[in-house]
Amino acid sequence: MSDLPPPYPPDEERLAVLQTWLEVQLAYVRDARAALARRAEIQVRTAPPAPPPYRLQRGLDAARTVVRVHLGDCALAKKGPGVDDLAARRALVEGVEACAVCRPDSELGMLD
């Protein structure tokens, strides 16, 4: 091992050049990491919000009564109001129909 040459140049001028080059490389790495952090922050801020756990589908009648309960991400739910599991259970117990596609009743453990 002692037969290997030293890893750095022996004179001050070349060591200074090497130090400057390493500082520039370190600045590039820091800039790249900061750019990645900014991109990740933008992705978090612009990500769509998570769907609610359940949605209520309203009828077309004048009273806009609830006609069906859906999982929050069901494609058939469209833009019904989002509700929590307690409200979804209440609606199902009161006789509101469960969506046959997404099956919120099985998700809630309320199968007949």
PDB file of N, CA and C in Angstrom:
ATOM      1  N   MET A   1       0.809  -1.189   0.000  1.00  0.00           N
ATOM      2  CA  MET A   1       0.000   0.000   0.000  1.00  0.00           C
ATOM      3  C   MET A   1       0.856   1.258   0.000  1.00  0.00           C
ATOM      4  N   SER A   2       1.993   1.217   0.614  1.00  0.00           N
ATOM      5  CA  SER A   2       2.831   2.407   0.681  1.00  0.00           C
ATOM      6  C   SER A   2       3.459   2.730  -0.668  1.00  0.00           C
ATOM      7  N   ASP A   3       3.325   1.828  -1.663  1.00  0.00           N
ATOM      8  CA  ASP A   3       3.877   2.070  -2.989  1.00  0.00           C
ATOM      9  C   ASP A   3       2.995   2.996  -3.813  1.00  0.00           C
ATOM     10  N   LEU A   4       1.765   3.246  -3.348  1.00  0.00           N
ATOM     11  CA  LEU A   4       0.850   4.113  -4.094  1.00  0.00           C
ATOM     12  C   LEU A   4       1.236   5.574  -3.933  1.00  0.00           C
ATOM     13  N   PRO A   5       1.023   6.354  -4.987  1.00  0.00           N
ATOM     14  CA  PRO A   5       1.324   7.787  -4.854  1.00  0.00           C
ATOM     15  C   PRO A   5       0.287   8.461  -3.949  1.00  0.00           C
ATOM     16  N   PRO A   6       0.606   9.606  -3.378  1.00  0.00           N
ATOM     17  CA  PRO A   6      -0.367  10.301  -2.532  1.00  0.00           C
ATOM     18  C   PRO A   6      -1.588  10.701  -3.363  1.00  0.00           C
ATOM     19  N   PRO A   7      -2.789  10.714  -2.747  1.00  0.00           N
ATOM     20  CA  PRO A   7      -4.001  10.975  -3.516  1.00  0.00           C
ATOM     21  C   PRO A   7      -4.154  12.434  -3.963  1.00  0.00           C
ATOM     22  N   TYR A   8      -3.391  13.336  -3.363  1.00  0.00           N
ATOM     23  CA  TYR A   8      -3.525  14.755  -3.715  1.00  0.00           C
ATOM     24  C   TYR A   8      -2.178  15.299  -4.171  1.00  0.00           C
ATOM     25  N   PRO A   9      -2.221  16.367  -4.971  1.00  0.00           N
ATOM     26  CA  PRO A   9      -0.955  16.942  -5.436  1.00  0.00           C
ATOM     27  C   PRO A   9      -0.165  17.538  -4.262  1.00  0.00           C
ATOM     28  N   PRO A  10       1.141  17.587  -4.395  1.00  0.00           N
ATOM     29  CA  PRO A  10       1.976  18.035  -3.275  1.00  0.00           C
ATOM     30  C   PRO A  10       2.081  19.563  -3.143  1.00  0.00           C
ATOM     31  N   ASP A  11       1.727  20.307  -4.171  1.00  0.00           N
ATOM     32  CA  ASP A  11       1.961  21.757  -4.087  1.00  0.00           C
ATOM     33  C   ASP A  11       0.670  22.521  -3.778  1.00  0.00           C
ATOM     34  N   GLU A  12       0.821  23.694  -3.185  1.00  0.00           N
ATOM     35  CA  GLU A  12      -0.296  24.527  -2.718  1.00  0.00           C
ATOM     36  C   GLU A  12      -1.197  24.990  -3.866  1.00  0.00           C
ATOM     37  N   GLU A  13      -0.621  25.340  -4.995  1.00  0.00           N
ATOM     38  CA  GLU A  13      -1.412  25.877  -6.119  1.00  0.00           C
ATOM     39  C   GLU A  13      -2.414  24.839  -6.642  1.00  0.00           C
ATOM     40  N   ARG A  14      -1.956  23.640  -6.867  1.00  0.00           N
ATOM     41  CA  ARG A  14      -2.863  22.601  -7.360  1.00  0.00           C
ATOM     42  C   ARG A  14      -3.869  22.170  -6.288  1.00  0.00           C
ATOM     43  N   LEU A  15      -3.472  22.178  -5.020  1.00  0.00           N
ATOM     44  CA  LEU A  15      -4.419  21.883  -3.951  1.00  0.00           C
ATOM     45  C   LEU A  15      -5.527  22.934  -3.896  1.00  0.00           C
ATOM     46  N   ALA A  16      -5.172  24.197  -4.122  1.00  0.00           N
ATOM     47  CA  ALA A  16      -6.170  25.276  -4.131  1.00  0.00           C
ATOM     48  C   ALA A  16      -7.140  25.098  -5.291  1.00  0.00           C
ATOM     49  N   VAL A  17      -6.622  24.707  -6.452  1.00  0.00           N
ATOM     50  CA  VAL A  17      -7.488  24.460  -7.607  1.00  0.00           C
ATOM     51  C   VAL A  17      -8.425  23.291  -7.312  1.00  0.00           C
ATOM     52  N   LEU A  18      -7.900  22.237  -6.738  1.00  0.00           N
ATOM     53  CA  LEU A  18      -8.716  21.078  -6.395  1.00  0.00           C
ATOM     54  C   LEU A  18      -9.791  21.455  -5.377  1.00  0.00           C
ATOM     55  N   GLN A  19      -9.432  22.272  -4.387  1.00  0.00           N
ATOM     56  CA  GLN A  19     -10.401  22.712  -3.387  1.00  0.00           C
ATOM     57  C   GLN A  19     -11.494  23.544  -4.039  1.00  0.00           C
ATOM     58  N   THR A  20     -11.145  24.432  -4.940  1.00  0.00           N
ATOM     59  CA  THR A  20     -12.144  25.254  -5.636  1.00  0.00           C
ATOM     60  C   THR A  20     -13.076  24.363  -6.452  1.00  0.00           C
ATOM     61  N   TRP A  21     -12.524  23.406  -7.175  1.00  0.00           N
ATOM     62  CA  TRP A  21     -13.351  22.497  -7.978  1.00  0.00           C
ATOM     63  C   TRP A  21     -14.323  21.718  -7.098  1.00  0.00           C
ATOM     64  N   LEU A  22     -13.837  21.221  -5.953  1.00  0.00           N
ATOM     65  CA  LEU A  22     -14.702  20.482  -5.043  1.00  0.00           C
ATOM     66  C   LEU A  22     -15.795  21.372  -4.463  1.00  0.00           C
ATOM     67  N   GLU A  23     -15.486  22.630  -4.172  1.00  0.00           N
ATOM     68  CA  GLU A  23     -16.496  23.554  -3.657  1.00  0.00           C
ATOM     69  C   GLU A  23     -17.566  23.830  -4.709  1.00  0.00           C
ATOM     70  N   VAL A  24     -17.146  23.945  -5.970  1.00  0.00           N
ATOM     71  CA  VAL A  24     -18.112  24.144  -7.055  1.00  0.00           C
ATOM     72  C   VAL A  24     -18.997  22.913  -7.188  1.00  0.00           C
ATOM     73  N   GLN A  25     -18.417  21.730  -7.127  1.00  0.00           N
ATOM     74  CA  GLN A  25     -19.204  20.505  -7.211  1.00  0.00           C
ATOM     75  C   GLN A  25     -20.183  20.408  -6.051  1.00  0.00           C
ATOM     76  N   LEU A  26     -19.735  20.773  -4.861  1.00  0.00           N
ATOM     77  CA  LEU A  26     -20.616  20.750  -3.694  1.00  0.00           C
ATOM     78  C   LEU A  26     -21.766  21.738  -3.871  1.00  0.00           C
ATOM     79  N   ALA A  27     -21.500  22.894  -4.442  1.00  0.00           N
ATOM     80  CA  ALA A  27     -22.555  23.875  -4.706  1.00  0.00           C
ATOM     81  C   ALA A  27     -23.565  23.314  -5.706  1.00  0.00           C
ATOM     82  N   TYR A  28     -23.080  22.615  -6.736  1.00  0.00           N
ATOM     83  CA  TYR A  28     -23.995  21.993  -7.706  1.00  0.00           C
ATOM     84  C   TYR A  28     -24.894  20.951  -7.037  1.00  0.00           C
ATOM     85  N   VAL A  29     -24.304  20.143  -6.168  1.00  0.00           N
ATOM     86  CA  VAL A  29     -25.082  19.109  -5.470  1.00  0.00           C
ATOM     87  C   VAL A  29     -26.124  19.762  -4.571  1.00  0.00           C
ATOM     88  N   ARG A  30     -25.737  20.800  -3.840  1.00  0.00           N
ATOM     89  CA  ARG A  30     -26.697  21.491  -2.971  1.00  0.00           C
ATOM     90  C   ARG A  30     -27.823  22.115  -3.779  1.00  0.00           C
ATOM     91  N   ASP A  31     -27.488  22.721  -4.923  1.00  0.00           N
ATOM     92  CA  ASP A  31     -28.526  23.309  -5.785  1.00  0.00           C
ATOM     93  C   ASP A  31     -29.471  22.236  -6.311  1.00  0.00           C
ATOM     94  N   ALA A  32     -28.923  21.091  -6.707  1.00  0.00           N
ATOM     95  CA  ALA A  32     -29.768  20.006  -7.225  1.00  0.00           C
ATOM     96  C   ALA A  32     -30.689  19.472  -6.137  1.00  0.00           C
ATOM     97  N   ARG A  33     -30.177  19.324  -4.919  1.00  0.00           N
ATOM     98  CA  ARG A  33     -31.019  18.849  -3.817  1.00  0.00           C
ATOM     99  C   ARG A  33     -32.108  19.867  -3.485  1.00  0.00           C
ATOM    100  N   ALA A  34     -31.782  21.152  -3.528  1.00  0.00           N
ATOM    101  CA  ALA A  34     -32.784  22.183  -3.259  1.00  0.00           C
ATOM    102  C   ALA A  34     -33.864  22.179  -4.339  1.00  0.00           C
ATOM    103  N   ALA A  35     -33.464  21.982  -5.603  1.00  0.00           N
ATOM    104  CA  ALA A  35     -34.446  21.915  -6.692  1.00  0.00           C
ATOM    105  C   ALA A  35     -35.367  20.715  -6.512  1.00  0.00           C
ATOM    106  N   LEU A  36     -34.817  19.579  -6.120  1.00  0.00           N
ATOM    107  CA  LEU A  36     -35.657  18.400  -5.863  1.00  0.00           C
ATOM    108  C   LEU A  36     -36.635  18.657  -4.721  1.00  0.00           C
ATOM    109  N   ALA A  37     -36.179  19.315  -3.677  1.00  0.00           N
ATOM    110  CA  ALA A  37     -37.058  19.623  -2.551  1.00  0.00           C
ATOM    111  C   ALA A  37     -38.174  20.567  -2.981  1.00  0.00           C
ATOM    112  N   ARG A  38     -37.842  21.565  -3.821  1.00  0.00           N
ATOM    113  CA  ARG A  38     -38.874  22.494  -4.323  1.00  0.00           C
ATOM    114  C   ARG A  38     -39.901  21.758  -5.175  1.00  0.00           C
ATOM    115  N   ARG A  39     -39.434  20.859  -6.042  1.00  0.00           N
ATOM    116  CA  ARG A  39     -40.361  20.090  -6.880  1.00  0.00           C
ATOM    117  C   ARG A  39     -41.266  19.206  -6.036  1.00  0.00           C
ATOM    118  N   ALA A  40     -40.707  18.573  -5.017  1.00  0.00           N
ATOM    119  CA  ALA A  40     -41.515  17.719  -4.140  1.00  0.00           C
ATOM    120  C   ALA A  40     -42.552  18.554  -3.394  1.00  0.00           C
ATOM    121  N   GLU A  41     -42.163  19.747  -2.958  1.00  0.00           N
ATOM    122  CA  GLU A  41     -43.108  20.624  -2.256  1.00  0.00           C
ATOM    123  C   GLU A  41     -44.236  21.069  -3.183  1.00  0.00           C
ATOM    124  N   ILE A  42     -43.903  21.370  -4.423  1.00  0.00           N
ATOM    125  CA  ILE A  42     -44.931  21.773  -5.395  1.00  0.00           C
ATOM    126  C   ILE A  42     -45.874  20.611  -5.668  1.00  0.00           C
ATOM    127  N   GLN A  43     -45.344  19.399  -5.785  1.00  0.00           N
ATOM    128  CA  GLN A  43     -46.199  18.232  -6.010  1.00  0.00           C
ATOM    129  C   GLN A  43     -47.165  18.026  -4.854  1.00  0.00           C
ATOM    130  N   VAL A  44     -46.681  18.225  -3.635  1.00  0.00           N
ATOM    131  CA  VAL A  44     -47.550  18.054  -2.464  1.00  0.00           C
ATOM    132  C   VAL A  44     -48.645  19.117  -2.471  1.00  0.00           C
ATOM    133  N   ARG A  45     -48.276  20.358  -2.787  1.00  0.00           N
ATOM    134  CA  ARG A  45     -49.259  21.447  -2.773  1.00  0.00           C
ATOM    135  C   ARG A  45     -50.279  21.336  -3.895  1.00  0.00           C
ATOM    136  N   THR A  46     -49.885  20.807  -5.045  1.00  0.00           N
ATOM    137  CA  THR A  46     -50.789  20.770  -6.195  1.00  0.00           C
ATOM    138  C   THR A  46     -51.496  19.426  -6.362  1.00  0.00           C
ATOM    139  N   ALA A  47     -51.194  18.471  -5.488  1.00  0.00           N
ATOM    140  CA  ALA A  47     -51.861  17.170  -5.586  1.00  0.00           C
ATOM    141  C   ALA A  47     -53.340  17.339  -5.260  1.00  0.00           C
ATOM    142  N   PRO A  48     -54.196  16.626  -5.966  1.00  0.00           N
ATOM    143  CA  PRO A  48     -55.620  16.735  -5.661  1.00  0.00           C
ATOM    144  C   PRO A  48     -55.904  16.177  -4.273  1.00  0.00           C
ATOM    145  N   PRO A  49     -56.900  16.736  -3.609  1.00  0.00           N
ATOM    146  CA  PRO A  49     -57.208  16.222  -2.264  1.00  0.00           C
ATOM    147  C   PRO A  49     -57.731  14.795  -2.336  1.00  0.00           C
ATOM    148  N   ALA A  50     -57.546  14.086  -1.262  1.00  0.00           N
ATOM    149  CA  ALA A  50     -58.029  12.705  -1.196  1.00  0.00           C
ATOM    150  C   ALA A  50     -59.555  12.705  -1.212  1.00  0.00           C
ATOM    151  N   PRO A  51     -60.166  11.725  -1.854  1.00  0.00           N
ATOM    152  CA  PRO A  51     -61.630  11.687  -1.872  1.00  0.00           C
ATOM    153  C   PRO A  51     -62.163  11.394  -0.466  1.00  0.00           C
ATOM    154  N   PRO A  52     -63.378  11.828  -0.200  1.00  0.00           N
ATOM    155  CA  PRO A  52     -63.956  11.500   1.106  1.00  0.00           C
ATOM    156  C   PRO A  52     -64.190   9.990   1.197  1.00  0.00           C
ATOM    157  N   PRO A  53     -64.350   9.451   2.401  1.00  0.00           N
ATOM    158  CA  PRO A  53     -64.522   7.997   2.509  1.00  0.00           C
ATOM    159  C   PRO A  53     -65.796   7.487   1.826  1.00  0.00           C
ATOM    160  N   TYR A  54     -66.865   8.291   1.886  1.00  0.00           N
ATOM    161  CA  TYR A  54     -68.138   7.885   1.284  1.00  0.00           C
ATOM    162  C   TYR A  54     -68.803   9.111   0.671  1.00  0.00           C
ATOM    163  N   ARG A  55     -69.672   8.861  -0.318  1.00  0.00           N
ATOM    164  CA  ARG A  55     -70.443   9.932  -0.944  1.00  0.00           C
ATOM    165  C   ARG A  55     -71.914   9.536  -0.977  1.00  0.00           C
ATOM    166  N   LEU A  56     -72.755  10.550  -0.894  1.00  0.00           N
ATOM    167  CA  LEU A  56     -74.203  10.337  -0.999  1.00  0.00           C
ATOM    168  C   LEU A  56     -74.666  10.871  -2.346  1.00  0.00           C
ATOM    169  N   GLN A  57     -75.371  10.036  -3.083  1.00  0.00           N
ATOM    170  CA  GLN A  57     -75.925  10.459  -4.372  1.00  0.00           C
ATOM    171  C   GLN A  57     -77.341  10.943  -4.123  1.00  0.00           C
ATOM    172  N   ARG A  58     -77.615  12.144  -4.609  1.00  0.00           N
ATOM    173  CA  ARG A  58     -78.938  12.735  -4.414  1.00  0.00           C
ATOM    174  C   ARG A  58     -79.801  12.504  -5.651  1.00  0.00           C
ATOM    175  N   GLY A  59     -81.108  12.406  -5.432  1.00  0.00           N
ATOM    176  CA  GLY A  59     -82.048  12.208  -6.526  1.00  0.00           C
ATOM    177  C   GLY A  59     -82.336  13.503  -7.268  1.00  0.00           C
ATOM    178  N   LEU A  60     -83.054  13.393  -8.366  1.00  0.00           N
ATOM    179  CA  LEU A  60     -83.390  14.559  -9.179  1.00  0.00           C
ATOM    180  C   LEU A  60     -84.716  15.186  -8.776  1.00  0.00           C
ATOM    181  N   ASP A  61     -85.350  14.670  -7.745  1.00  0.00           N
ATOM    182  CA  ASP A  61     -86.625  15.239  -7.306  1.00  0.00           C
ATOM    183  C   ASP A  61     -86.387  16.604  -6.651  1.00  0.00           C
ATOM    184  N   ALA A  62     -87.454  17.310  -6.373  1.00  0.00           N
ATOM    185  CA  ALA A  62     -87.348  18.656  -5.826  1.00  0.00           C
ATOM    186  C   ALA A  62     -86.692  18.666  -4.445  1.00  0.00           C
ATOM    187  N   ALA A  63     -86.891  17.625  -3.669  1.00  0.00           N
ATOM    188  CA  ALA A  63     -86.333  17.579  -2.321  1.00  0.00           C
ATOM    189  C   ALA A  63     -84.855  17.162  -2.318  1.00  0.00           C
ATOM    190  N   ARG A  64     -84.361  16.660  -3.448  1.00  0.00           N
ATOM    191  CA  ARG A  64     -82.974  16.192  -3.571  1.00  0.00           C
ATOM    192  C   ARG A  64     -82.632  15.163  -2.485  1.00  0.00           C
ATOM    193  N   THR A  65     -83.523  14.198  -2.346  1.00  0.00           N
ATOM    194  CA  THR A  65     -83.327  13.166  -1.330  1.00  0.00           C
ATOM    195  C   THR A  65     -82.163  12.253  -1.695  1.00  0.00           C
ATOM    196  N   VAL A  66     -81.568  11.667  -0.701  1.00  0.00           N
ATOM    197  CA  VAL A  66     -80.444  10.747  -0.903  1.00  0.00           C
ATOM    198  C   VAL A  66     -80.991   9.441  -1.451  1.00  0.00           C
ATOM    199  N   VAL A  67     -80.450   8.994  -2.577  1.00  0.00           N
ATOM    200  CA  VAL A  67     -80.939   7.769  -3.206  1.00  0.00           C
ATOM    201  C   VAL A  67     -79.922   6.632  -3.166  1.00  0.00           C
ATOM    202  N   ARG A  68     -78.630   6.933  -2.969  1.00  0.00           N
ATOM    203  CA  ARG A  68     -77.627   5.868  -3.015  1.00  0.00           C
ATOM    204  C   ARG A  68     -76.391   6.306  -2.229  1.00  0.00           C
ATOM    205  N   VAL A  69     -75.737   5.327  -1.613  1.00  0.00           N
ATOM    206  CA  VAL A  69     -74.478   5.547  -0.900  1.00  0.00           C
ATOM    207  C   VAL A  69     -73.357   4.921  -1.726  1.00  0.00           C
ATOM    208  N   HIS A  70     -72.256   5.644  -1.890  1.00  0.00           N
ATOM    209  CA  HIS A  70     -71.100   5.184  -2.669  1.00  0.00           C
ATOM    210  C   HIS A  70     -69.837   5.283  -1.832  1.00  0.00           C
ATOM    211  N   LEU A  71     -68.805   4.526  -2.218  1.00  0.00           N
ATOM    212  CA  LEU A  71     -67.468   4.780  -1.701  1.00  0.00           C
ATOM    213  C   LEU A  71     -66.996   6.110  -2.280  1.00  0.00           C
ATOM    214  N   GLY A  72     -66.098   6.784  -1.607  1.00  0.00           N
ATOM    215  CA  GLY A  72     -65.667   8.112  -2.030  1.00  0.00           C
ATOM    216  C   GLY A  72     -65.043   8.162  -3.410  1.00  0.00           C
ATOM    217  N   ASP A  73     -64.391   7.093  -3.827  1.00  0.00           N
ATOM    218  CA  ASP A  73     -63.721   7.102  -5.132  1.00  0.00           C
ATOM    219  C   ASP A  73     -64.516   6.385  -6.221  1.00  0.00           C
ATOM    220  N   CYS A  74     -65.773   6.074  -5.962  1.00  0.00           N
ATOM    221  CA  CYS A  74     -66.611   5.402  -6.964  1.00  0.00           C
ATOM    222  C   CYS A  74     -66.876   6.349  -8.130  1.00  0.00           C
ATOM    223  N   ALA A  75     -66.735   5.846  -9.344  1.00  0.00           N
ATOM    224  CA  ALA A  75     -66.953   6.671 -10.534  1.00  0.00           C
ATOM    225  C   ALA A  75     -68.420   7.056 -10.693  1.00  0.00           C
ATOM    226  N   LEU A  76     -69.316   6.283 -10.134  1.00  0.00           N
ATOM    227  CA  LEU A  76     -70.737   6.579 -10.264  1.00  0.00           C
ATOM    228  C   LEU A  76     -71.211   7.640  -9.273  1.00  0.00           C
ATOM    229  N   ALA A  77     -70.383   7.962  -8.290  1.00  0.00           N
ATOM    230  CA  ALA A  77     -70.795   8.900  -7.245  1.00  0.00           C
ATOM    231  C   ALA A  77     -70.813  10.337  -7.741  1.00  0.00           C
ATOM    232  N   LYS A  78     -70.063  10.617  -8.777  1.00  0.00           N
ATOM    233  CA  LYS A  78     -69.946  11.970  -9.317  1.00  0.00           C
ATOM    234  C   LYS A  78     -69.538  12.936  -8.226  1.00  0.00           C
ATOM    235  N   LYS A  79     -70.342  13.968  -7.986  1.00  0.00           N
ATOM    236  CA  LYS A  79     -69.920  14.979  -7.025  1.00  0.00           C
ATOM    237  C   LYS A  79     -70.878  15.093  -5.858  1.00  0.00           C
ATOM    238  N   GLY A  80     -71.367  13.991  -5.390  1.00  0.00           N
ATOM    239  CA  GLY A  80     -72.243  14.022  -4.227  1.00  0.00           C
ATOM    240  C   GLY A  80     -71.475  14.479  -3.000  1.00  0.00           C
ATOM    241  N   PRO A  81     -72.190  14.871  -1.973  1.00  0.00           N
ATOM    242  CA  PRO A  81     -71.491  15.336  -0.773  1.00  0.00           C
ATOM    243  C   PRO A  81     -70.721  14.208  -0.103  1.00  0.00           C
ATOM    244  N   GLY A  82     -69.537  14.523   0.354  1.00  0.00           N
ATOM    245  CA  GLY A  82     -68.728  13.547   1.057  1.00  0.00           C
ATOM    246  C   GLY A  82     -69.173  13.429   2.499  1.00  0.00           C
ATOM    247  N   VAL A  83     -69.202  12.206   3.001  1.00  0.00           N
ATOM    248  CA  VAL A  83     -69.605  11.965   4.385  1.00  0.00           C
ATOM    249  C   VAL A  83     -68.649  10.971   5.024  1.00  0.00           C
ATOM    250  N   ASP A  84     -68.688  10.910   6.345  1.00  0.00           N
ATOM    251  CA  ASP A  84     -67.858   9.945   7.057  1.00  0.00           C
ATOM    252  C   ASP A  84     -68.591   8.609   7.167  1.00  0.00           C
ATOM    253  N   ASP A  85     -67.947   7.629   7.785  1.00  0.00           N
ATOM    254  CA  ASP A  85     -68.549   6.298   7.848  1.00  0.00           C
ATOM    255  C   ASP A  85     -69.800   6.268   8.725  1.00  0.00           C
ATOM    256  N   LEU A  86     -69.868   7.114   9.732  1.00  0.00           N
ATOM    257  CA  LEU A  86     -71.056   7.136  10.586  1.00  0.00           C
ATOM    258  C   LEU A  86     -72.288   7.600   9.797  1.00  0.00           C
ATOM    259  N   ALA A  87     -72.134   8.655   8.998  1.00  0.00           N
ATOM    260  CA  ALA A  87     -73.260   9.146   8.193  1.00  0.00           C
ATOM    261  C   ALA A  87     -73.637   8.135   7.118  1.00  0.00           C
ATOM    262  N   ALA A  88     -72.647   7.461   6.536  1.00  0.00           N
ATOM    263  CA  ALA A  88     -72.940   6.442   5.523  1.00  0.00           C
ATOM    264  C   ALA A  88     -73.706   5.272   6.149  1.00  0.00           C
ATOM    265  N   ARG A  89     -73.292   4.844   7.330  1.00  0.00           N
ATOM    266  CA  ARG A  89     -74.011   3.774   8.038  1.00  0.00           C
ATOM    267  C   ARG A  89     -75.449   4.182   8.327  1.00  0.00           C
ATOM    268  N   ARG A  90     -75.599   5.430   8.802  1.00  0.00           N
ATOM    269  CA  ARG A  90     -76.929   5.926   9.140  1.00  0.00           C
ATOM    270  C   ARG A  90     -77.836   5.890   7.915  1.00  0.00           C
ATOM    271  N   ALA A  91     -77.299   6.333   6.774  1.00  0.00           N
ATOM    272  CA  ALA A  91     -78.092   6.337   5.543  1.00  0.00           C
ATOM    273  C   ALA A  91     -78.481   4.918   5.146  1.00  0.00           C
ATOM    274  N   LEU A  92     -77.561   3.986   5.249  1.00  0.00           N
ATOM    275  CA  LEU A  92     -77.869   2.600   4.881  1.00  0.00           C
ATOM    276  C   LEU A  92     -78.901   1.989   5.825  1.00  0.00           C
ATOM    277  N   VAL A  93     -78.798   2.303   7.108  1.00  0.00           N
ATOM    278  CA  VAL A  93     -79.765   1.779   8.079  1.00  0.00           C
ATOM    279  C   VAL A  93     -81.147   2.363   7.815  1.00  0.00           C
ATOM    280  N   GLU A  94     -81.191   3.606   7.357  1.00  0.00           N
ATOM    281  CA  GLU A  94     -82.472   4.262   7.075  1.00  0.00           C
ATOM    282  C   GLU A  94     -83.085   3.801   5.758  1.00  0.00           C
ATOM    283  N   GLY A  95     -82.431   2.888   5.064  1.00  0.00           N
ATOM    284  CA  GLY A  95     -83.013   2.310   3.859  1.00  0.00           C
ATOM    285  C   GLY A  95     -82.490   2.859   2.549  1.00  0.00           C
ATOM    286  N   VAL A  96     -81.476   3.710   2.578  1.00  0.00           N
ATOM    287  CA  VAL A  96     -80.881   4.206   1.332  1.00  0.00           C
ATOM    288  C   VAL A  96     -80.131   3.057   0.675  1.00  0.00           C
ATOM    289  N   GLU A  97     -80.254   2.953  -0.626  1.00  0.00           N
ATOM    290  CA  GLU A  97     -79.649   1.853  -1.381  1.00  0.00           C
ATOM    291  C   GLU A  97     -78.129   2.009  -1.442  1.00  0.00           C
ATOM    292  N   ALA A  98     -77.403   0.908  -1.343  1.00  0.00           N
ATOM    293  CA  ALA A  98     -75.947   0.897  -1.509  1.00  0.00           C
ATOM    294  C   ALA A  98     -75.628   0.700  -2.987  1.00  0.00           C
ATOM    295  N   CYS A  99     -74.600   1.343  -3.457  1.00  0.00           N
ATOM    296  CA  CYS A  99     -74.178   1.197  -4.856  1.00  0.00           C
ATOM    297  C   CYS A  99     -73.807  -0.265  -5.108  1.00  0.00           C
ATOM    298  N   ALA A 100     -74.296  -0.806  -6.200  1.00  0.00           N
ATOM    299  CA  ALA A 100     -74.024  -2.204  -6.533  1.00  0.00           C
ATOM    300  C   ALA A 100     -72.624  -2.390  -7.114  1.00  0.00           C
ATOM    301  N   VAL A 101     -71.982  -1.286  -7.512  1.00  0.00           N
ATOM    302  CA  VAL A 101     -70.658  -1.381  -8.121  1.00  0.00           C
ATOM    303  C   VAL A 101     -69.568  -1.331  -7.054  1.00  0.00           C
ATOM    304  N   CYS A 102     -69.616  -0.308  -6.201  1.00  0.00           N
ATOM    305  CA  CYS A 102     -68.536  -0.132  -5.227  1.00  0.00           C
ATOM    306  C   CYS A 102     -68.810  -0.802  -3.882  1.00  0.00           C
ATOM    307  N   ARG A 103     -70.039  -1.174  -3.603  1.00  0.00           N
ATOM    308  CA  ARG A 103     -70.444  -1.929  -2.418  1.00  0.00           C
ATOM    309  C   ARG A 103     -69.983  -1.297  -1.089  1.00  0.00           C
ATOM    310  N   PRO A 104     -70.456  -0.105  -0.753  1.00  0.00           N
ATOM    311  CA  PRO A 104     -70.061   0.496   0.524  1.00  0.00           C
ATOM    312  C   PRO A 104     -70.592  -0.278   1.724  1.00  0.00           C
ATOM    313  N   ASP A 105     -71.685  -1.012   1.536  1.00  0.00           N
ATOM    314  CA  ASP A 105     -72.226  -1.796   2.646  1.00  0.00           C
ATOM    315  C   ASP A 105     -71.260  -2.904   3.073  1.00  0.00           C
ATOM    316  N   SER A 106     -70.579  -3.522   2.105  1.00  0.00           N
ATOM    317  CA  SER A 106     -69.605  -4.554   2.471  1.00  0.00           C
ATOM    318  C   SER A 106     -68.366  -3.909   3.100  1.00  0.00           C
ATOM    319  N   GLU A 107     -68.012  -2.727   2.645  1.00  0.00           N
ATOM    320  CA  GLU A 107     -66.880  -2.008   3.231  1.00  0.00           C
ATOM    321  C   GLU A 107     -67.166  -1.645   4.687  1.00  0.00           C
ATOM    322  N   LEU A 108     -68.420  -1.332   4.960  1.00  0.00           N
ATOM    323  CA  LEU A 108     -68.829  -0.980   6.322  1.00  0.00           C
ATOM    324  C   LEU A 108     -69.191  -2.202   7.162  1.00  0.00           C
ATOM    325  N   GLY A 109     -69.183  -3.374   6.562  1.00  0.00           N
ATOM    326  CA  GLY A 109     -69.515  -4.597   7.289  1.00  0.00           C
ATOM    327  C   GLY A 109     -71.000  -4.726   7.580  1.00  0.00           C
ATOM    328  N   MET A 110     -71.848  -4.232   6.664  1.00  0.00           N
ATOM    329  CA  MET A 110     -73.299  -4.235   6.888  1.00  0.00           C
ATOM    330  C   MET A 110     -74.033  -5.096   5.883  1.00  0.00           C
ATOM    331  N   LEU A 111     -73.460  -6.182   5.466  1.00  0.00           N
ATOM    332  CA  LEU A 111     -74.133  -7.050   4.504  1.00  0.00           C
ATOM    333  C   LEU A 111     -75.323  -7.743   5.150  1.00  0.00           C
ATOM    334  N   ASP A 112     -76.368  -7.949   4.362  1.00  0.00           N
ATOM    335  CA  ASP A 112     -77.571  -8.627   4.887  1.00  0.00           C
ATOM    336  C   ASP A 112     -77.366 -10.115   4.966  1.00  0.00           C
TER     337      ASP A 112
END
